[in-house]
Amino acid sequence: MADDGEGSLPKATVAKMISERLPPGLKLTAEVKEMILEACNEFVQCVSSEANEISTKENKSTIMPEHVVGALESLDFASYVETVSAAMLEMKEEGKELRAEKKKKKGMQMTPEEALAMQQKMFAEAKARYESGEPAAAPAGPPVAAPPPEPPVDAQAGSLE
């Protein structure tokens, strides 16, 4: 049986992948699902080990996609190379899009020079408002409610006798 420990694919994920690819009405026993999980784990370990050997021979400390492709070819899984390469390109494109979205959300679509110019302009505007006596802009966000008034103190209750 495959353990759920480190270096093992998650059972639930593999089970979901299996069930998504089965024809409707076809079911697998728990034993068959476990065998498939073990095969998947062994496949990943073999490819990883071979890719590591290839990267080590090239004096690289990081396994790159080309090392994985080389591992697939040397393990006689060349038929997977096209699919893996297409998935890799798709992941790269998704990564580019995500990075662009994050950058856009952070407002970092400007160069450092543009950011400096904008900052200097804002400081100059704030200084001009200050020197002209114009009131400061209201703080952003919802208005803050004043704290409730304190109840009156009973003069007799507060005395110590």
Protein backbone atom coordinates (compact mmCIF):
# COMPACT_ATOMS: atom_id res chain seq x y z
CA MET A 1 0.00 0.00 0.00
CA ALA A 2 1.21 3.52 -0.75
CA ASP A 3 1.67 5.67 2.29
CA ASP A 4 0.18 9.12 2.55
CA GLY A 5 3.49 10.53 3.68
CA GLU A 6 6.01 12.74 2.04
CA GLY A 7 6.85 11.92 -1.56
CA SER A 8 3.44 10.45 -2.30
CA LEU A 9 0.73 11.86 -4.52
CA PRO A 10 -2.48 12.78 -2.69
CA LYS A 11 -4.95 9.87 -2.81
CA ALA A 12 -7.97 12.14 -3.20
CA THR A 13 -6.47 13.96 -6.18
CA VAL A 14 -5.49 10.75 -7.96
CA ALA A 15 -8.91 9.21 -7.22
CA LYS A 16 -10.62 12.29 -8.68
CA MET A 17 -8.45 12.16 -11.81
CA ILE A 18 -9.32 8.49 -12.25
CA SER A 19 -13.05 8.99 -11.79
CA GLU A 20 -13.11 11.93 -14.24
CA ARG A 21 -11.66 9.75 -16.98
CA LEU A 22 -13.79 6.65 -16.47
CA PRO A 23 -16.81 6.01 -18.65
CA PRO A 24 -20.13 6.58 -16.86
CA GLY A 25 -21.23 3.60 -14.80
CA LEU A 26 -17.77 2.03 -14.54
CA LYS A 27 -16.38 1.72 -11.03
CA LEU A 28 -13.03 0.62 -9.64
CA THR A 29 -12.39 -1.25 -6.45
CA ALA A 30 -10.36 0.38 -3.69
CA GLU A 31 -7.59 -2.11 -4.42
CA VAL A 32 -7.37 -1.04 -8.08
CA LYS A 33 -7.33 2.64 -7.10
CA GLU A 34 -4.50 1.88 -4.66
CA MET A 35 -2.55 0.05 -7.40
CA ILE A 36 -2.94 3.01 -9.74
CA LEU A 37 -1.79 5.37 -7.00
CA GLU A 38 1.31 3.24 -6.40
CA ALA A 39 2.03 3.16 -10.15
CA CYS A 40 1.68 6.96 -10.34
CA ASN A 41 4.02 7.43 -7.40
CA GLU A 42 6.58 5.06 -8.92
CA PHE A 43 6.38 6.85 -12.29
CA VAL A 44 6.95 10.26 -10.69
CA GLN A 45 9.88 8.91 -8.67
CA CYS A 46 11.50 7.30 -11.73
CA VAL A 47 11.16 10.41 -13.89
CA SER A 48 12.37 12.65 -11.05
CA SER A 49 15.38 10.44 -10.39
CA GLU A 50 16.34 10.30 -14.06
CA ALA A 51 15.85 14.07 -14.48
CA ASN A 52 18.05 14.59 -11.42
CA GLU A 53 20.80 12.44 -12.96
CA ILE A 54 20.61 14.41 -16.20
CA SER A 55 20.81 17.76 -14.41
CA THR A 56 23.71 16.51 -12.26
CA LYS A 57 25.64 15.40 -15.37
CA GLU A 58 25.20 18.94 -16.70
CA ASN A 59 26.45 20.36 -13.37
CA LYS A 60 23.08 22.01 -12.75
CA SER A 61 21.59 22.27 -9.28
CA THR A 62 18.04 22.82 -10.53
CA ILE A 63 16.01 20.36 -12.58
CA MET A 64 14.69 22.20 -15.62
CA PRO A 65 11.88 21.20 -18.00
CA GLU A 66 14.39 20.00 -20.58
CA HIS A 67 15.79 17.59 -17.98
CA VAL A 68 12.33 16.11 -17.48
CA VAL A 69 11.90 15.76 -21.24
CA GLY A 70 15.29 14.05 -21.45
CA ALA A 71 14.27 11.74 -18.60
CA LEU A 72 11.07 10.76 -20.37
CA GLU A 73 13.00 10.01 -23.55
CA SER A 74 15.70 7.97 -21.78
CA LEU A 75 13.04 5.96 -19.91
CA ASP A 76 11.29 5.14 -23.22
CA PHE A 77 8.37 7.46 -22.57
CA ALA A 78 9.04 9.62 -25.62
CA SER A 79 5.36 9.40 -26.53
CA TYR A 80 4.65 11.67 -23.53
CA VAL A 81 7.10 14.39 -24.58
CA GLU A 82 4.67 16.23 -26.86
CA THR A 83 1.91 16.27 -24.23
CA VAL A 84 4.29 17.31 -21.45
CA SER A 85 5.80 20.07 -23.59
CA ALA A 86 2.34 21.42 -24.48
CA ALA A 87 1.33 21.39 -20.79
CA MET A 88 4.56 23.17 -19.88
CA LEU A 89 3.91 25.93 -22.44
CA GLU A 90 0.34 26.28 -21.21
CA MET A 91 1.57 26.61 -17.61
CA LYS A 92 4.12 29.23 -18.65
CA GLU A 93 1.41 31.28 -20.35
CA GLU A 94 -0.87 31.00 -17.32
CA GLY A 95 2.02 32.06 -15.11
CA LYS A 96 2.70 35.10 -17.28
CA GLU A 97 -0.96 36.09 -17.12
CA LEU A 98 -1.08 35.67 -13.34
CA ARG A 99 2.08 37.72 -12.86
CA ALA A 100 0.70 40.45 -15.13
CA GLU A 101 -2.56 40.50 -13.14
CA LYS A 102 -0.70 40.72 -9.83
CA LYS A 103 1.49 43.49 -11.19
CA LYS A 104 -1.55 45.37 -12.45
CA LYS A 105 -3.35 44.97 -9.11
CA LYS A 106 -0.36 46.34 -7.25
CA GLY A 107 -0.30 49.32 -9.58
CA MET A 108 3.23 48.51 -10.64
CA GLN A 109 2.62 49.12 -14.33
CA MET A 110 4.84 52.19 -14.18
CA THR A 111 8.58 52.47 -14.26
CA PRO A 112 10.49 53.60 -11.16
CA GLU A 113 11.04 56.96 -12.87
CA GLU A 114 7.29 57.38 -13.43
CA ALA A 115 6.58 56.45 -9.81
CA LEU A 116 9.14 59.01 -8.59
CA ALA A 117 7.65 61.71 -10.81
CA MET A 118 4.15 60.94 -9.54
CA GLN A 119 5.35 61.01 -5.94
CA GLN A 120 7.08 64.37 -6.43
CA LYS A 121 3.95 65.80 -8.06
CA MET A 122 1.78 64.62 -5.16
CA PHE A 123 4.18 66.13 -2.61
CA ALA A 124 4.17 69.44 -4.51
CA GLU A 125 0.35 69.47 -4.62
CA ALA A 126 0.13 68.71 -0.91
CA LYS A 127 2.67 71.46 -0.12
CA ALA A 128 0.74 73.96 -2.23
CA ARG A 129 -2.53 73.08 -0.44
CA TYR A 130 -0.81 73.41 2.93
CA GLU A 131 0.73 76.80 2.08
CA SER A 132 -2.57 78.13 0.72
CA GLY A 133 -4.40 77.17 3.90
CA GLU A 134 -6.69 74.82 2.00
CA PRO A 135 -8.10 72.11 4.26
CA ALA A 136 -6.54 68.68 3.99
CA ALA A 137 -8.36 66.03 2.03
CA ALA A 138 -10.66 63.78 4.05
CA PRO A 139 -9.15 60.43 4.95
CA ALA A 140 -10.16 57.53 2.73
CA GLY A 141 -12.63 54.98 4.05
CA PRO A 142 -15.86 55.11 5.99
CA PRO A 143 -16.34 57.81 8.61
CA VAL A 144 -15.39 56.81 12.11
CA ALA A 145 -18.18 57.12 14.66
CA ALA A 146 -17.44 59.03 17.84
CA PRO A 147 -17.26 56.91 20.99
CA PRO A 148 -20.47 56.85 23.05
CA PRO A 149 -20.61 59.42 25.87
CA GLU A 150 -19.68 58.16 29.30
CA PRO A 151 -22.58 57.82 31.75
CA PRO A 152 -22.73 60.44 34.50
CA VAL A 153 -20.94 59.50 37.67
CA ASP A 154 -23.19 59.23 40.71
CA ALA A 155 -21.67 61.54 43.31
CA GLN A 156 -22.79 59.39 46.22
CA ALA A 157 -21.71 56.10 44.67
CA GLY A 158 -18.23 57.48 44.09
CA SER A 159 -17.61 58.58 47.68
CA LEU A 160 -15.69 56.40 50.07
CA GLU A 161 -16.89 56.33 53.64
